Amino acid sequence: MLPRPHRLTKKKDFDLTYQQGKAVGGRLFLIRFKSNQEGRIRVGIVISKKVAKKAVTRNKLKRRIREIIRSVALERKENVDLVIIAKKAAINASYLELESEWKNILSKIF
């Protein structure tokens, strides 16, 4: 799990990031981002039922994404809210593919 201060939990925060944020996409993810006043990175993950019907599959992908975020992004001292939207191709991707895609998208954002 991500530490609580680094999670987007409120619907209002998700909605603001969707409405006011910018988008950067890749083959596996679409990331919406917006600056915040919290002094840290906050992350929310969205995986719809269109991407994976089974909850087991969606949760497995969420766990992988959280681990990648924890190991790569939380080291940064940025003030940004991120909403990560997984695409269908992310279900069959390996951990290394997910990680390289994440680093590539982060380099576009920062």
N, C-alpha and C. Protein backbone atom coordinates (compact mmCIF):
# COMPACT_ATOMS: atom_id res chain seq x y z
N MET A 1 0.83 -1.18 0.00
CA MET A 1 0.00 0.00 0.00
C MET A 1 0.87 1.25 0.00
N LEU A 2 0.33 2.26 -0.62
CA LEU A 2 0.98 3.56 -0.55
C LEU A 2 0.65 4.19 0.81
N PRO A 3 1.57 4.95 1.35
CA PRO A 3 1.25 5.65 2.59
C PRO A 3 0.06 6.59 2.37
N ARG A 4 -0.77 6.72 3.35
CA ARG A 4 -2.01 7.50 3.22
C ARG A 4 -1.81 8.93 2.72
N PRO A 5 -0.78 9.64 3.16
CA PRO A 5 -0.61 11.01 2.64
C PRO A 5 -0.34 11.06 1.13
N HIS A 6 0.05 9.94 0.54
CA HIS A 6 0.36 9.90 -0.89
C HIS A 6 -0.78 9.35 -1.74
N ARG A 7 -1.96 9.20 -1.16
CA ARG A 7 -3.10 8.66 -1.90
C ARG A 7 -4.14 9.73 -2.18
N LEU A 8 -4.74 9.68 -3.34
CA LEU A 8 -5.93 10.47 -3.62
C LEU A 8 -7.11 9.64 -3.14
N THR A 9 -7.89 10.17 -2.23
CA THR A 9 -8.98 9.37 -1.67
C THR A 9 -10.35 9.98 -1.92
N LYS A 10 -10.42 11.28 -2.09
CA LYS A 10 -11.72 11.94 -2.20
C LYS A 10 -12.14 12.09 -3.67
N LYS A 11 -13.42 11.94 -3.89
CA LYS A 11 -13.96 12.08 -5.23
C LYS A 11 -13.69 13.48 -5.78
N LYS A 12 -13.73 14.47 -4.92
CA LYS A 12 -13.46 15.85 -5.32
C LYS A 12 -12.06 15.99 -5.90
N ASP A 13 -11.07 15.33 -5.30
CA ASP A 13 -9.70 15.41 -5.79
C ASP A 13 -9.57 14.74 -7.17
N PHE A 14 -10.23 13.59 -7.33
CA PHE A 14 -10.22 12.93 -8.64
C PHE A 14 -10.86 13.83 -9.69
N ASP A 15 -12.02 14.40 -9.36
CA ASP A 15 -12.74 15.24 -10.31
C ASP A 15 -11.94 16.47 -10.72
N LEU A 16 -11.30 17.11 -9.75
CA LEU A 16 -10.47 18.29 -10.06
C LEU A 16 -9.30 17.92 -10.97
N THR A 17 -8.71 16.78 -10.72
CA THR A 17 -7.58 16.35 -11.55
C THR A 17 -8.05 16.04 -12.97
N TYR A 18 -9.23 15.41 -13.10
CA TYR A 18 -9.78 15.14 -14.42
C TYR A 18 -10.11 16.44 -15.16
N GLN A 19 -10.73 17.39 -14.47
CA GLN A 19 -11.22 18.61 -15.12
C GLN A 19 -10.11 19.61 -15.39
N GLN A 20 -9.24 19.85 -14.43
CA GLN A 20 -8.25 20.90 -14.56
C GLN A 20 -6.87 20.40 -14.96
N GLY A 21 -6.66 19.09 -14.91
CA GLY A 21 -5.34 18.56 -15.16
C GLY A 21 -5.05 18.36 -16.64
N LYS A 22 -3.80 18.07 -16.91
CA LYS A 22 -3.34 17.76 -18.26
C LYS A 22 -3.16 16.25 -18.36
N ALA A 23 -3.10 15.75 -19.60
CA ALA A 23 -2.99 14.31 -19.81
C ALA A 23 -1.73 13.97 -20.59
N VAL A 24 -1.11 12.87 -20.20
CA VAL A 24 0.02 12.30 -20.93
C VAL A 24 -0.28 10.83 -21.07
N GLY A 25 -0.14 10.31 -22.27
CA GLY A 25 -0.48 8.92 -22.50
C GLY A 25 0.68 8.11 -23.01
N GLY A 26 0.52 6.84 -22.87
CA GLY A 26 1.47 5.87 -23.38
C GLY A 26 0.70 4.65 -23.85
N ARG A 27 1.41 3.58 -24.11
CA ARG A 27 0.78 2.36 -24.59
C ARG A 27 -0.02 1.66 -23.49
N LEU A 28 0.43 1.77 -22.24
CA LEU A 28 -0.19 1.04 -21.14
C LEU A 28 -1.00 1.91 -20.19
N PHE A 29 -0.68 3.21 -20.12
CA PHE A 29 -1.33 4.10 -19.17
C PHE A 29 -1.74 5.40 -19.83
N LEU A 30 -2.72 6.03 -19.22
CA LEU A 30 -3.03 7.44 -19.46
C LEU A 30 -2.94 8.09 -18.09
N ILE A 31 -2.17 9.16 -17.98
CA ILE A 31 -2.00 9.81 -16.69
C ILE A 31 -2.50 11.24 -16.77
N ARG A 32 -3.41 11.57 -15.87
CA ARG A 32 -3.89 12.94 -15.72
C ARG A 32 -3.16 13.51 -14.52
N PHE A 33 -2.65 14.73 -14.65
CA PHE A 33 -1.89 15.32 -13.55
C PHE A 33 -2.22 16.79 -13.39
N LYS A 34 -2.10 17.25 -12.14
CA LYS A 34 -2.40 18.63 -11.78
C LYS A 34 -1.56 18.98 -10.56
N SER A 35 -1.07 20.19 -10.51
CA SER A 35 -0.28 20.59 -9.33
C SER A 35 -1.19 20.72 -8.11
N ASN A 36 -0.61 20.56 -6.95
CA ASN A 36 -1.38 20.67 -5.70
C ASN A 36 -0.62 21.51 -4.69
N GLN A 37 -1.24 21.76 -3.57
CA GLN A 37 -0.63 22.55 -2.50
C GLN A 37 -0.22 21.68 -1.31
N GLU A 38 -0.22 20.37 -1.49
CA GLU A 38 0.06 19.44 -0.40
C GLU A 38 1.54 19.30 -0.09
N GLY A 39 2.40 19.60 -1.05
CA GLY A 39 3.84 19.46 -0.83
C GLY A 39 4.36 18.06 -1.09
N ARG A 40 3.57 17.23 -1.75
CA ARG A 40 4.00 15.86 -2.05
C ARG A 40 3.19 15.32 -3.22
N ILE A 41 3.65 14.21 -3.75
CA ILE A 41 2.93 13.53 -4.82
C ILE A 41 1.77 12.76 -4.20
N ARG A 42 0.58 12.89 -4.81
CA ARG A 42 -0.57 12.07 -4.40
C ARG A 42 -1.05 11.32 -5.64
N VAL A 43 -1.38 10.05 -5.47
CA VAL A 43 -1.69 9.20 -6.60
C VAL A 43 -3.03 8.49 -6.42
N GLY A 44 -3.78 8.39 -7.51
CA GLY A 44 -4.99 7.59 -7.56
C GLY A 44 -4.91 6.67 -8.77
N ILE A 45 -5.41 5.46 -8.64
CA ILE A 45 -5.34 4.47 -9.72
C ILE A 45 -6.75 4.09 -10.13
N VAL A 46 -7.00 4.10 -11.44
CA VAL A 46 -8.31 3.74 -11.97
C VAL A 46 -8.14 2.61 -12.97
N ILE A 47 -8.84 1.51 -12.72
CA ILE A 47 -8.87 0.39 -13.67
C ILE A 47 -10.33 -0.02 -13.82
N SER A 48 -10.89 0.24 -14.97
CA SER A 48 -12.32 0.00 -15.17
C SER A 48 -12.60 -1.47 -15.48
N LYS A 49 -13.86 -1.82 -15.43
CA LYS A 49 -14.27 -3.18 -15.77
C LYS A 49 -14.13 -3.44 -17.26
N LYS A 50 -14.03 -2.40 -18.07
CA LYS A 50 -13.78 -2.58 -19.49
C LYS A 50 -12.37 -3.12 -19.73
N VAL A 51 -11.45 -2.77 -18.85
CA VAL A 51 -10.07 -3.23 -18.99
C VAL A 51 -9.96 -4.69 -18.56
N ALA A 52 -10.55 -5.03 -17.42
CA ALA A 52 -10.49 -6.40 -16.91
C ALA A 52 -11.79 -6.70 -16.18
N LYS A 53 -12.46 -7.75 -16.57
CA LYS A 53 -13.74 -8.09 -15.96
C LYS A 53 -13.60 -8.59 -14.53
N LYS A 54 -12.55 -9.36 -14.27
CA LYS A 54 -12.39 -9.97 -12.95
C LYS A 54 -11.69 -9.04 -11.98
N ALA A 55 -12.21 -8.96 -10.77
CA ALA A 55 -11.63 -8.12 -9.73
C ALA A 55 -10.22 -8.59 -9.38
N VAL A 56 -9.98 -9.88 -9.46
CA VAL A 56 -8.66 -10.42 -9.15
C VAL A 56 -7.61 -9.83 -10.08
N THR A 57 -7.95 -9.74 -11.36
CA THR A 57 -7.03 -9.20 -12.36
C THR A 57 -6.81 -7.71 -12.15
N ARG A 58 -7.89 -6.98 -11.88
CA ARG A 58 -7.77 -5.54 -11.64
C ARG A 58 -6.92 -5.27 -10.40
N ASN A 59 -7.14 -6.02 -9.34
CA ASN A 59 -6.38 -5.82 -8.10
C ASN A 59 -4.91 -6.17 -8.26
N LYS A 60 -4.61 -7.21 -9.03
CA LYS A 60 -3.22 -7.59 -9.30
C LYS A 60 -2.49 -6.45 -10.02
N LEU A 61 -3.16 -5.87 -11.02
CA LEU A 61 -2.56 -4.75 -11.74
C LEU A 61 -2.38 -3.54 -10.83
N LYS A 62 -3.35 -3.28 -9.96
CA LYS A 62 -3.22 -2.17 -9.02
C LYS A 62 -2.03 -2.37 -8.08
N ARG A 63 -1.84 -3.59 -7.60
CA ARG A 63 -0.71 -3.87 -6.71
C ARG A 63 0.61 -3.63 -7.43
N ARG A 64 0.70 -4.06 -8.68
CA ARG A 64 1.93 -3.84 -9.45
C ARG A 64 2.19 -2.35 -9.65
N ILE A 65 1.15 -1.62 -10.01
CA ILE A 65 1.31 -0.18 -10.24
C ILE A 65 1.71 0.53 -8.94
N ARG A 66 1.09 0.17 -7.83
CA ARG A 66 1.44 0.78 -6.54
C ARG A 66 2.90 0.55 -6.18
N GLU A 67 3.39 -0.65 -6.42
CA GLU A 67 4.78 -0.97 -6.11
C GLU A 67 5.73 -0.15 -6.98
N ILE A 68 5.40 0.00 -8.24
CA ILE A 68 6.23 0.80 -9.14
C ILE A 68 6.23 2.25 -8.68
N ILE A 69 5.09 2.76 -8.30
CA ILE A 69 4.99 4.14 -7.82
C ILE A 69 5.83 4.31 -6.56
N ARG A 70 5.69 3.37 -5.66
CA ARG A 70 6.41 3.45 -4.38
C ARG A 70 7.92 3.44 -4.61
N SER A 71 8.39 2.64 -5.55
CA SER A 71 9.83 2.52 -5.75
C SER A 71 10.41 3.66 -6.59
N VAL A 72 9.60 4.29 -7.44
CA VAL A 72 10.14 5.29 -8.37
C VAL A 72 9.69 6.71 -8.03
N ALA A 73 8.40 6.93 -7.89
CA ALA A 73 7.88 8.29 -7.86
C ALA A 73 7.91 8.96 -6.50
N LEU A 74 7.77 8.22 -5.43
CA LEU A 74 7.66 8.86 -4.12
C LEU A 74 8.97 9.48 -3.66
N GLU A 75 10.08 9.17 -4.35
CA GLU A 75 11.36 9.78 -4.02
C GLU A 75 11.39 11.24 -4.42
N ARG A 76 10.57 11.61 -5.42
CA ARG A 76 10.56 12.97 -5.95
C ARG A 76 9.90 13.93 -4.95
N LYS A 77 10.31 15.17 -5.02
CA LYS A 77 9.76 16.21 -4.14
C LYS A 77 8.85 17.14 -4.94
N GLU A 78 7.99 16.57 -5.73
CA GLU A 78 7.08 17.35 -6.57
C GLU A 78 5.76 17.57 -5.85
N ASN A 79 5.04 18.62 -6.23
CA ASN A 79 3.70 18.91 -5.70
C ASN A 79 2.71 18.63 -6.82
N VAL A 80 2.27 17.39 -6.93
CA VAL A 80 1.40 17.04 -8.05
C VAL A 80 0.44 15.92 -7.65
N ASP A 81 -0.76 16.00 -8.21
CA ASP A 81 -1.74 14.92 -8.08
C ASP A 81 -1.73 14.14 -9.38
N LEU A 82 -1.66 12.82 -9.30
CA LEU A 82 -1.65 11.96 -10.48
C LEU A 82 -2.83 11.01 -10.42
N VAL A 83 -3.55 10.87 -11.53
CA VAL A 83 -4.56 9.83 -11.67
C VAL A 83 -4.09 8.94 -12.80
N ILE A 84 -3.82 7.69 -12.47
CA ILE A 84 -3.31 6.72 -13.44
C ILE A 84 -4.48 5.90 -13.94
N ILE A 85 -4.70 5.93 -15.24
CA ILE A 85 -5.79 5.17 -15.86
C ILE A 85 -5.14 4.08 -16.71
N ALA A 86 -5.39 2.84 -16.33
CA ALA A 86 -4.78 1.71 -17.03
C ALA A 86 -5.53 1.42 -18.32
N LYS A 87 -4.77 1.03 -19.34
CA LYS A 87 -5.36 0.62 -20.61
C LYS A 87 -5.38 -0.90 -20.66
N LYS A 88 -6.10 -1.44 -21.62
CA LYS A 88 -6.27 -2.88 -21.73
C LYS A 88 -4.95 -3.63 -21.91
N ALA A 89 -4.00 -3.01 -22.60
CA ALA A 89 -2.71 -3.65 -22.84
C ALA A 89 -1.92 -3.85 -21.55
N ALA A 90 -2.22 -3.11 -20.50
CA ALA A 90 -1.49 -3.22 -19.24
C ALA A 90 -1.73 -4.56 -18.54
N ILE A 91 -2.86 -5.19 -18.82
CA ILE A 91 -3.18 -6.46 -18.17
C ILE A 91 -2.16 -7.54 -18.52
N ASN A 92 -1.75 -7.60 -19.78
CA ASN A 92 -0.83 -8.65 -20.22
C ASN A 92 0.63 -8.23 -20.16
N ALA A 93 0.91 -7.01 -19.73
CA ALA A 93 2.29 -6.52 -19.69
C ALA A 93 3.02 -7.08 -18.48
N SER A 94 4.31 -7.27 -18.64
CA SER A 94 5.13 -7.74 -17.52
C SER A 94 5.44 -6.57 -16.59
N TYR A 95 5.98 -6.90 -15.43
CA TYR A 95 6.33 -5.87 -14.45
C TYR A 95 7.37 -4.91 -15.03
N LEU A 96 8.35 -5.43 -15.75
CA LEU A 96 9.39 -4.59 -16.32
C LEU A 96 8.84 -3.65 -17.39
N GLU A 97 7.88 -4.13 -18.18
CA GLU A 97 7.24 -3.27 -19.18
C GLU A 97 6.46 -2.14 -18.50
N LEU A 98 5.73 -2.48 -17.44
CA LEU A 98 4.99 -1.47 -16.69
C LEU A 98 5.93 -0.42 -16.11
N GLU A 99 7.04 -0.89 -15.56
CA GLU A 99 7.99 0.03 -14.94
C GLU A 99 8.65 0.95 -15.96
N SER A 100 9.05 0.41 -17.11
CA SER A 100 9.69 1.25 -18.12
C SER A 100 8.70 2.26 -18.70
N GLU A 101 7.44 1.85 -18.89
CA GLU A 101 6.41 2.77 -19.37
C GLU A 101 6.18 3.88 -18.35
N TRP A 102 6.15 3.53 -17.08
CA TRP A 102 5.95 4.52 -16.02
C TRP A 102 7.08 5.54 -16.00
N LYS A 103 8.33 5.07 -16.09
CA LYS A 103 9.48 5.98 -16.09
C LYS A 103 9.45 6.88 -17.32
N ASN A 104 9.04 6.34 -18.45
CA ASN A 104 8.96 7.12 -19.68
C ASN A 104 7.91 8.24 -19.53
N ILE A 105 6.75 7.91 -18.99
CA ILE A 105 5.70 8.92 -18.81
C ILE A 105 6.10 9.95 -17.76
N LEU A 106 6.76 9.51 -16.70
CA LEU A 106 7.21 10.47 -15.68
C LEU A 106 8.20 11.47 -16.26
N SER A 107 9.05 11.01 -17.17
CA SER A 107 10.02 11.93 -17.78
C SER A 107 9.30 12.98 -18.63
N LYS A 108 8.14 12.64 -19.19
CA LYS A 108 7.35 13.61 -19.96
C LYS A 108 6.67 14.63 -19.03
N ILE A 109 6.25 14.17 -17.86
CA ILE A 109 5.55 15.04 -16.92
C ILE A 109 6.51 16.01 -16.24
N PHE A 110 7.62 15.49 -15.74
CA PHE A 110 8.56 16.33 -14.97
C PHE A 110 9.65 16.76 -15.90
